[in-house]
Amino acid sequence: MASLWRSALNRVIGTDTSGSTGPEYDGVEFWTEPERSGWLTKQGEYIKTWRRRWFVLKKGKLFWFKESTVNRSSKPRGVIPVSSCLTVKGAEDVLNRQFAFELSTRSDTMYFIADSEKEKEDWINSIGRSIVQHSRSVTDREIVDYDNK
């Protein structure tokens, strides 16, 4: 199974190994009204350097860019479908860095560093809410409305 970083990059450049062609962000207008956006520092997949990137969360996808000016012609450097993520939580003790948090799937964990405790908590809350909203583990058919029984 490809790592989460490699999978995210392949989806952006249109070489997703799952067989889909074209970008994973089809239909998501990431340049308008994001659920959350801001600067985060992320760790690279192979060379474990930390790079500051502009992140945009919208419609269950977490995009990142080199610049904070995002418009229709901007090309994301990567995109993560949050439906593939299981947890998002603080990671200061893991990285020994202030304002750190992690985003995990069954096979991978990615690390980020926010600029403040409030920013970290806001990102964790926003991503967590998006994971719940876009989770593949619960479909509309599986939701039972007990009030109508």
C-alpha atoms as a PDB file:
ATOM      1  CA  MET A   1       0.000   0.000   0.000  1.00  0.00           C
ATOM      2  CA  ALA A   2       1.360   3.414  -0.914  1.00  0.00           C
ATOM      3  CA  SER A   3       2.135   5.785   1.908  1.00  0.00           C
ATOM      4  CA  LEU A   4      -0.363   8.534   2.648  1.00  0.00           C
ATOM      5  CA  TRP A   5       2.037  11.229   1.400  1.00  0.00           C
ATOM      6  CA  ARG A   6       2.732   9.409  -1.870  1.00  0.00           C
ATOM      7  CA  SER A   7      -0.946   8.719  -2.367  1.00  0.00           C
ATOM      8  CA  ALA A   8      -1.794  12.387  -1.734  1.00  0.00           C
ATOM      9  CA  LEU A   9       0.823  13.573  -4.231  1.00  0.00           C
ATOM     10  CA  ASN A  10      -0.181  11.026  -6.882  1.00  0.00           C
ATOM     11  CA  ARG A  11      -3.803  12.129  -6.664  1.00  0.00           C
ATOM     12  CA  VAL A  12      -2.821  15.719  -7.324  1.00  0.00           C
ATOM     13  CA  ILE A  13      -0.661  14.986 -10.341  1.00  0.00           C
ATOM     14  CA  GLY A  14      -3.159  12.502 -11.759  1.00  0.00           C
ATOM     15  CA  THR A  15      -1.241   9.256 -11.307  1.00  0.00           C
ATOM     16  CA  ASP A  16      -3.298   7.760  -8.496  1.00  0.00           C
ATOM     17  CA  THR A  17      -2.516   4.066  -8.276  1.00  0.00           C
ATOM     18  CA  SER A  18      -6.143   3.217  -7.478  1.00  0.00           C
ATOM     19  CA  GLY A  19      -6.909   3.530 -11.174  1.00  0.00           C
ATOM     20  CA  SER A  20      -8.580   6.923 -11.193  1.00  0.00           C
ATOM     21  CA  THR A  21      -7.382   9.423 -13.711  1.00  0.00           C
ATOM     22  CA  GLY A  22      -7.172  13.116 -13.082  1.00  0.00           C
ATOM     23  CA  PRO A  23      -6.911  15.079  -9.861  1.00  0.00           C
ATOM     24  CA  GLU A  24      -8.532  13.959  -6.622  1.00  0.00           C
ATOM     25  CA  TYR A  25      -9.884  17.475  -6.034  1.00  0.00           C
ATOM     26  CA  ASP A  26     -12.339  17.353  -8.912  1.00  0.00           C
ATOM     27  CA  GLY A  27     -15.351  19.451  -8.134  1.00  0.00           C
ATOM     28  CA  VAL A  28     -13.966  20.999  -4.929  1.00  0.00           C
ATOM     29  CA  GLU A  29     -13.542  24.743  -5.329  1.00  0.00           C
ATOM     30  CA  PHE A  30     -10.719  24.977  -2.785  1.00  0.00           C
ATOM     31  CA  TRP A  31     -10.147  28.643  -3.637  1.00  0.00           C
ATOM     32  CA  THR A  32     -13.495  29.825  -2.178  1.00  0.00           C
ATOM     33  CA  GLU A  33     -14.981  29.657   1.318  1.00  0.00           C
ATOM     34  CA  PRO A  34     -12.816  26.968   2.930  1.00  0.00           C
ATOM     35  CA  GLU A  35     -13.920  25.371   6.184  1.00  0.00           C
ATOM     36  CA  ARG A  36     -10.446  26.219   7.532  1.00  0.00           C
ATOM     37  CA  SER A  37      -7.248  27.573   6.049  1.00  0.00           C
ATOM     38  CA  GLY A  38      -3.889  28.668   7.387  1.00  0.00           C
ATOM     39  CA  TRP A  39      -0.188  28.030   7.694  1.00  0.00           C
ATOM     40  CA  LEU A  40       1.078  24.742   9.108  1.00  0.00           C
ATOM     41  CA  THR A  41       4.524  23.214   9.069  1.00  0.00           C
ATOM     42  CA  LYS A  42       4.527  19.653   7.770  1.00  0.00           C
ATOM     43  CA  GLN A  43       7.125  16.942   7.732  1.00  0.00           C
ATOM     44  CA  GLY A  44       8.218  15.520   4.384  1.00  0.00           C
ATOM     45  CA  GLU A  45       7.770  11.839   3.601  1.00  0.00           C
ATOM     46  CA  TYR A  46      11.309  10.805   2.646  1.00  0.00           C
ATOM     47  CA  ILE A  47      13.552  13.645   3.737  1.00  0.00           C
ATOM     48  CA  LYS A  48      12.185  14.425   7.169  1.00  0.00           C
ATOM     49  CA  THR A  49      12.620  18.179   6.854  1.00  0.00           C
ATOM     50  CA  TRP A  50       9.908  20.551   8.026  1.00  0.00           C
ATOM     51  CA  ARG A  51       8.327  22.886   5.474  1.00  0.00           C
ATOM     52  CA  ARG A  52       5.811  25.625   5.969  1.00  0.00           C
ATOM     53  CA  ARG A  53       2.755  25.223   3.710  1.00  0.00           C
ATOM     54  CA  TRP A  54      -0.653  26.854   3.328  1.00  0.00           C
ATOM     55  CA  PHE A  55      -3.413  24.345   4.105  1.00  0.00           C
ATOM     56  CA  VAL A  56      -7.048  24.463   3.015  1.00  0.00           C
ATOM     57  CA  LEU A  57      -9.723  22.134   4.381  1.00  0.00           C
ATOM     58  CA  LYS A  58     -12.853  21.890   2.272  1.00  0.00           C
ATOM     59  CA  LYS A  59     -15.482  19.211   1.580  1.00  0.00           C
ATOM     60  CA  GLY A  60     -13.536  16.394   3.206  1.00  0.00           C
ATOM     61  CA  LYS A  61     -10.223  17.164   1.550  1.00  0.00           C
ATOM     62  CA  LEU A  62      -7.094  18.707   3.069  1.00  0.00           C
ATOM     63  CA  PHE A  63      -5.095  20.558   0.380  1.00  0.00           C
ATOM     64  CA  TRP A  64      -1.700  22.194   0.735  1.00  0.00           C
ATOM     65  CA  PHE A  65       0.068  24.855  -1.296  1.00  0.00           C
ATOM     66  CA  LYS A  66       3.411  26.673  -1.272  1.00  0.00           C
ATOM     67  CA  GLU A  67       1.738  30.095  -1.181  1.00  0.00           C
ATOM     68  CA  SER A  68      -1.218  31.515   0.735  1.00  0.00           C
ATOM     69  CA  THR A  69      -2.668  33.144  -2.383  1.00  0.00           C
ATOM     70  CA  VAL A  70      -5.002  30.424  -3.608  1.00  0.00           C
ATOM     71  CA  ASN A  71      -7.205  30.923  -6.661  1.00  0.00           C
ATOM     72  CA  ARG A  72      -8.876  28.899  -9.401  1.00  0.00           C
ATOM     73  CA  SER A  73      -5.587  28.332 -11.236  1.00  0.00           C
ATOM     74  CA  SER A  74      -3.633  27.267  -8.131  1.00  0.00           C
ATOM     75  CA  LYS A  75      -2.298  23.730  -8.157  1.00  0.00           C
ATOM     76  CA  PRO A  76      -2.242  21.947  -4.795  1.00  0.00           C
ATOM     77  CA  ARG A  77       1.073  20.365  -3.777  1.00  0.00           C
ATOM     78  CA  GLY A  78      -0.945  17.569  -2.211  1.00  0.00           C
ATOM     79  CA  VAL A  79      -4.437  16.584  -1.102  1.00  0.00           C
ATOM     80  CA  ILE A  80      -5.549  14.160   1.578  1.00  0.00           C
ATOM     81  CA  PRO A  81      -9.087  12.790   1.568  1.00  0.00           C
ATOM     82  CA  VAL A  82      -9.924  12.920   5.272  1.00  0.00           C
ATOM     83  CA  SER A  83     -12.300   9.977   4.833  1.00  0.00           C
ATOM     84  CA  SER A  84      -9.166   7.796   4.765  1.00  0.00           C
ATOM     85  CA  CYS A  85      -8.054   9.179   8.146  1.00  0.00           C
ATOM     86  CA  LEU A  86      -8.898   7.543  11.458  1.00  0.00           C
ATOM     87  CA  THR A  87      -7.581   9.988  14.062  1.00  0.00           C
ATOM     88  CA  VAL A  88      -6.284  13.497  14.529  1.00  0.00           C
ATOM     89  CA  LYS A  89      -4.708  14.366  17.881  1.00  0.00           C
ATOM     90  CA  GLY A  90      -1.963  16.290  19.610  1.00  0.00           C
ATOM     91  CA  ALA A  91       1.582  14.982  19.180  1.00  0.00           C
ATOM     92  CA  GLU A  92       3.832  17.270  21.249  1.00  0.00           C
ATOM     93  CA  ASP A  93       5.091  14.315  23.276  1.00  0.00           C
ATOM     94  CA  VAL A  94       5.798  12.241  20.148  1.00  0.00           C
ATOM     95  CA  LEU A  95       7.784  14.958  18.339  1.00  0.00           C
ATOM     96  CA  ASN A  96       8.964  16.878  21.391  1.00  0.00           C
ATOM     97  CA  ARG A  97       7.740  20.047  19.650  1.00  0.00           C
ATOM     98  CA  GLN A  98       5.209  22.583  20.812  1.00  0.00           C
ATOM     99  CA  PHE A  99       1.848  22.816  18.946  1.00  0.00           C
ATOM    100  CA  ALA A 100       2.400  19.501  17.094  1.00  0.00           C
ATOM    101  CA  PHE A 101      -0.420  17.214  15.977  1.00  0.00           C
ATOM    102  CA  GLU A 102      -0.768  14.047  13.949  1.00  0.00           C
ATOM    103  CA  LEU A 103      -3.176  12.743  11.333  1.00  0.00           C
ATOM    104  CA  SER A 104      -3.332   8.934  11.080  1.00  0.00           C
ATOM    105  CA  THR A 105      -4.682   6.279   8.744  1.00  0.00           C
ATOM    106  CA  ARG A 106      -4.495   2.515   9.272  1.00  0.00           C
ATOM    107  CA  SER A 107      -0.976   2.458   7.824  1.00  0.00           C
ATOM    108  CA  ASP A 108       0.528   5.953   8.099  1.00  0.00           C
ATOM    109  CA  THR A 109       0.879   8.927  10.414  1.00  0.00           C
ATOM    110  CA  MET A 110       1.598  12.457   9.222  1.00  0.00           C
ATOM    111  CA  TYR A 111       2.833  15.220  11.509  1.00  0.00           C
ATOM    112  CA  PHE A 112       2.089  18.944  11.505  1.00  0.00           C
ATOM    113  CA  ILE A 113       3.062  21.921  13.635  1.00  0.00           C
ATOM    114  CA  ALA A 114       0.744  24.891  14.137  1.00  0.00           C
ATOM    115  CA  ASP A 115       1.811  28.411  15.126  1.00  0.00           C
ATOM    116  CA  SER A 116      -0.017  28.415  18.482  1.00  0.00           C
ATOM    117  CA  GLU A 117      -1.976  26.197  20.860  1.00  0.00           C
ATOM    118  CA  LYS A 118      -5.236  27.764  19.647  1.00  0.00           C
ATOM    119  CA  GLU A 119      -4.342  27.118  15.989  1.00  0.00           C
ATOM    120  CA  LYS A 120      -3.444  23.512  16.822  1.00  0.00           C
ATOM    121  CA  GLU A 121      -6.752  22.950  18.640  1.00  0.00           C
ATOM    122  CA  ASP A 122      -8.721  24.657  15.849  1.00  0.00           C
ATOM    123  CA  TRP A 123      -7.102  22.425  13.193  1.00  0.00           C
ATOM    124  CA  ILE A 124      -7.654  19.274  15.280  1.00  0.00           C
ATOM    125  CA  ASN A 125     -11.317  20.196  15.788  1.00  0.00           C
ATOM    126  CA  SER A 126     -11.913  21.092  12.123  1.00  0.00           C
ATOM    127  CA  ILE A 127     -10.181  17.993  10.751  1.00  0.00           C
ATOM    128  CA  GLY A 128     -11.885  15.789  13.347  1.00  0.00           C
ATOM    129  CA  ARG A 129     -15.301  17.157  12.399  1.00  0.00           C
ATOM    130  CA  SER A 130     -14.492  16.570   8.720  1.00  0.00           C
ATOM    131  CA  ILE A 131     -13.373  12.973   9.411  1.00  0.00           C
ATOM    132  CA  VAL A 132     -16.717  12.274  11.083  1.00  0.00           C
ATOM    133  CA  GLN A 133     -18.727  13.975   8.315  1.00  0.00           C
ATOM    134  CA  HIS A 134     -16.891  12.217   5.479  1.00  0.00           C
ATOM    135  CA  SER A 135     -16.143   8.857   7.055  1.00  0.00           C
ATOM    136  CA  ARG A 136     -16.672   5.887   4.763  1.00  0.00           C
ATOM    137  CA  SER A 137     -17.426   3.684   7.750  1.00  0.00           C
ATOM    138  CA  VAL A 138     -20.921   5.145   8.175  1.00  0.00           C
ATOM    139  CA  THR A 139     -23.172   5.436   5.157  1.00  0.00           C
ATOM    140  CA  ASP A 140     -26.578   7.088   5.041  1.00  0.00           C
ATOM    141  CA  ARG A 141     -28.202   3.642   4.928  1.00  0.00           C
ATOM    142  CA  GLU A 142     -26.509   2.672   8.201  1.00  0.00           C
ATOM    143  CA  ILE A 143     -27.788   5.692  10.121  1.00  0.00           C
ATOM    144  CA  VAL A 144     -30.826   4.752  12.158  1.00  0.00           C
ATOM    145  CA  ASP A 145     -33.248   7.477  13.192  1.00  0.00           C
ATOM    146  CA  TYR A 146     -34.535   6.188  16.536  1.00  0.00           C
ATOM    147  CA  ASP A 147     -36.929   9.138  16.929  1.00  0.00           C
ATOM    148  CA  ASN A 148     -39.094   7.826  14.088  1.00  0.00           C
ATOM    149  CA  LYS A 149     -39.427   4.268  15.431  1.00  0.00           C
END
